[in-house]
Each structure stands twice: as structure tokens, then as C-alpha cells.
Amino acid sequence: SFALEAGEEEQLLASFTRDGQGCIASAEWLAAMTEWSELQQDHEEWDALVARTFSAINASGSGCLELPELVALACPGLTTD
């Protein structure tokens, strides 16, 4: 089981985002995943997989991963309320 301490969720979010918006934009998500694409033979397929994964995590459909979506991914059952 994985549990975040108070304040760690903001640190997790800050480690991904570079523009200070408080959410992870699609381009930031892709940039974070790009290192793995170097290990893949088919870059187009990898990029499509990364995009589908982002869309699945981005439950709100905002195009930006927000704190509740990250918490739901990292700590199912935990809420940010």
C-alpha cells in the first residue's frame, strides 16, 4: 500500500508541472514520458499509448491532470477534500 503524507501530493504535482498552473498539461505529461520512448522501436505507437494513458487518467477531460486525478491514480480510495 502507498500513502502520501500531508503536503506530498503538492510536491508530486510540482515535480511534473513546469508552468506553475497547479495541474499537469498534456505536453508536460508527454515530456515526462518521452524518456521511455527512446527505449521503444515504434515511436508513433509509444506516443499513442502515452496519449491514451493520459486521457484515461484525465477523468475530467480538461486536458490537464489535476490533483484529485493524481491522488486517485497514486492512492485509490484517498480523497483530497
C-alpha atoms as a PDB file:
ATOM      1  CA  SER A   1       0.000   0.000   0.000  1.00  0.00           C
ATOM      2  CA  PHE A   2       1.178   3.505  -0.781  1.00  0.00           C
ATOM      3  CA  ALA A   3       0.215   6.542   1.275  1.00  0.00           C
ATOM      4  CA  LEU A   4       1.124  10.182   0.805  1.00  0.00           C
ATOM      5  CA  GLU A   5       1.944  12.309   3.800  1.00  0.00           C
ATOM      6  CA  ALA A   6       0.353  15.748   4.159  1.00  0.00           C
ATOM      7  CA  GLY A   7       1.789  18.060   1.514  1.00  0.00           C
ATOM      8  CA  GLU A   8       3.406  15.311  -0.547  1.00  0.00           C
ATOM      9  CA  GLU A   9       0.661  15.401  -3.161  1.00  0.00           C
ATOM     10  CA  GLU A  10       1.599  19.005  -3.978  1.00  0.00           C
ATOM     11  CA  GLN A  11       5.262  18.007  -4.216  1.00  0.00           C
ATOM     12  CA  LEU A  12       4.321  15.190  -6.592  1.00  0.00           C
ATOM     13  CA  LEU A  13       2.356  17.582  -8.766  1.00  0.00           C
ATOM     14  CA  ALA A  14       5.163  20.178  -8.719  1.00  0.00           C
ATOM     15  CA  SER A  15       7.671  17.568  -9.885  1.00  0.00           C
ATOM     16  CA  PHE A  16       5.718  17.174 -13.143  1.00  0.00           C
ATOM     17  CA  THR A  17       4.496  20.675 -13.913  1.00  0.00           C
ATOM     18  CA  ARG A  18       6.851  23.387 -15.092  1.00  0.00           C
ATOM     19  CA  ASP A  19       4.475  26.324 -15.539  1.00  0.00           C
ATOM     20  CA  GLY A  20       3.014  26.574 -12.035  1.00  0.00           C
ATOM     21  CA  GLN A  21      -0.591  26.087 -13.194  1.00  0.00           C
ATOM     22  CA  GLY A  22      -1.258  23.517 -10.490  1.00  0.00           C
ATOM     23  CA  CYS A  23      -2.009  20.752 -12.950  1.00  0.00           C
ATOM     24  CA  ILE A  24      -0.109  18.646 -15.482  1.00  0.00           C
ATOM     25  CA  ALA A  25      -0.797  19.671 -19.074  1.00  0.00           C
ATOM     26  CA  SER A  26      -0.779  17.101 -21.849  1.00  0.00           C
ATOM     27  CA  ALA A  27       2.547  18.424 -23.176  1.00  0.00           C
ATOM     28  CA  GLU A  28       4.122  18.149 -19.692  1.00  0.00           C
ATOM     29  CA  TRP A  29       2.839  14.576 -19.367  1.00  0.00           C
ATOM     30  CA  LEU A  30       4.270  13.674 -22.763  1.00  0.00           C
ATOM     31  CA  ALA A  31       7.597  15.291 -21.846  1.00  0.00           C
ATOM     32  CA  ALA A  32       7.747  13.256 -18.629  1.00  0.00           C
ATOM     33  CA  MET A  33       7.112  10.062 -20.590  1.00  0.00           C
ATOM     34  CA  THR A  34       9.436  10.883 -23.516  1.00  0.00           C
ATOM     35  CA  GLU A  35      12.495   9.307 -21.927  1.00  0.00           C
ATOM     36  CA  TRP A  36      10.787   5.919 -22.207  1.00  0.00           C
ATOM     37  CA  SER A  37      10.097   6.445 -25.900  1.00  0.00           C
ATOM     38  CA  GLU A  38      13.847   6.288 -26.533  1.00  0.00           C
ATOM     39  CA  LEU A  39      13.677   2.655 -25.476  1.00  0.00           C
ATOM     40  CA  GLN A  40      10.867   1.895 -27.902  1.00  0.00           C
ATOM     41  CA  GLN A  41      11.304   0.903 -31.548  1.00  0.00           C
ATOM     42  CA  ASP A  42       7.963   2.309 -32.704  1.00  0.00           C
ATOM     43  CA  HIS A  43       7.771   5.928 -31.509  1.00  0.00           C
ATOM     44  CA  GLU A  44       4.364   6.557 -33.058  1.00  0.00           C
ATOM     45  CA  GLU A  45       2.834   3.607 -31.215  1.00  0.00           C
ATOM     46  CA  TRP A  46       4.501   4.697 -27.956  1.00  0.00           C
ATOM     47  CA  ASP A  47       3.240   8.273 -28.332  1.00  0.00           C
ATOM     48  CA  ALA A  48      -0.276   6.965 -28.969  1.00  0.00           C
ATOM     49  CA  LEU A  49      -0.071   4.773 -25.859  1.00  0.00           C
ATOM     50  CA  VAL A  50       1.114   7.704 -23.738  1.00  0.00           C
ATOM     51  CA  ALA A  51      -1.708   9.880 -25.093  1.00  0.00           C
ATOM     52  CA  ARG A  52      -4.338   7.183 -24.363  1.00  0.00           C
ATOM     53  CA  THR A  53      -2.961   6.736 -20.852  1.00  0.00           C
ATOM     54  CA  PHE A  54      -3.102  10.494 -20.227  1.00  0.00           C
ATOM     55  CA  SER A  55      -6.705  10.578 -21.454  1.00  0.00           C
ATOM     56  CA  ALA A  56      -7.651   7.697 -19.158  1.00  0.00           C
ATOM     57  CA  ILE A  57      -6.110   9.420 -16.119  1.00  0.00           C
ATOM     58  CA  ASN A  58      -7.609  12.811 -17.057  1.00  0.00           C
ATOM     59  CA  ALA A  59     -11.127  11.855 -15.909  1.00  0.00           C
ATOM     60  CA  SER A  60     -12.337  15.458 -16.059  1.00  0.00           C
ATOM     61  CA  GLY A  61     -11.343  15.747 -19.716  1.00  0.00           C
ATOM     62  CA  SER A  62      -9.731  19.128 -19.016  1.00  0.00           C
ATOM     63  CA  GLY A  63      -6.504  18.291 -20.845  1.00  0.00           C
ATOM     64  CA  CYS A  64      -4.676  18.882 -17.572  1.00  0.00           C
ATOM     65  CA  LEU A  65      -4.008  16.345 -14.790  1.00  0.00           C
ATOM     66  CA  GLU A  66      -5.326  17.883 -11.601  1.00  0.00           C
ATOM     67  CA  LEU A  67      -4.502  16.928  -8.031  1.00  0.00           C
ATOM     68  CA  PRO A  68      -7.617  14.764  -7.447  1.00  0.00           C
ATOM     69  CA  GLU A  69      -6.808  12.749 -10.595  1.00  0.00           C
ATOM     70  CA  LEU A  70      -3.206  12.174  -9.454  1.00  0.00           C
ATOM     71  CA  VAL A  71      -4.316  11.183  -5.969  1.00  0.00           C
ATOM     72  CA  ALA A  72      -6.878   8.777  -7.479  1.00  0.00           C
ATOM     73  CA  LEU A  73      -4.091   7.238  -9.563  1.00  0.00           C
ATOM     74  CA  ALA A  74      -1.462   7.018  -6.816  1.00  0.00           C
ATOM     75  CA  CYS A  75      -3.723   6.321  -3.823  1.00  0.00           C
ATOM     76  CA  PRO A  76      -7.061   4.784  -4.841  1.00  0.00           C
ATOM     77  CA  GLY A  77      -9.702   5.483  -2.228  1.00  0.00           C
ATOM     78  CA  LEU A  78      -7.946   8.569  -0.845  1.00  0.00           C
ATOM     79  CA  THR A  79      -9.636  11.921  -1.398  1.00  0.00           C
ATOM     80  CA  THR A  80      -8.188  15.431  -1.480  1.00  0.00           C
ATOM     81  CA  ASP A  81     -11.237  17.037   0.189  1.00  0.00           C
END
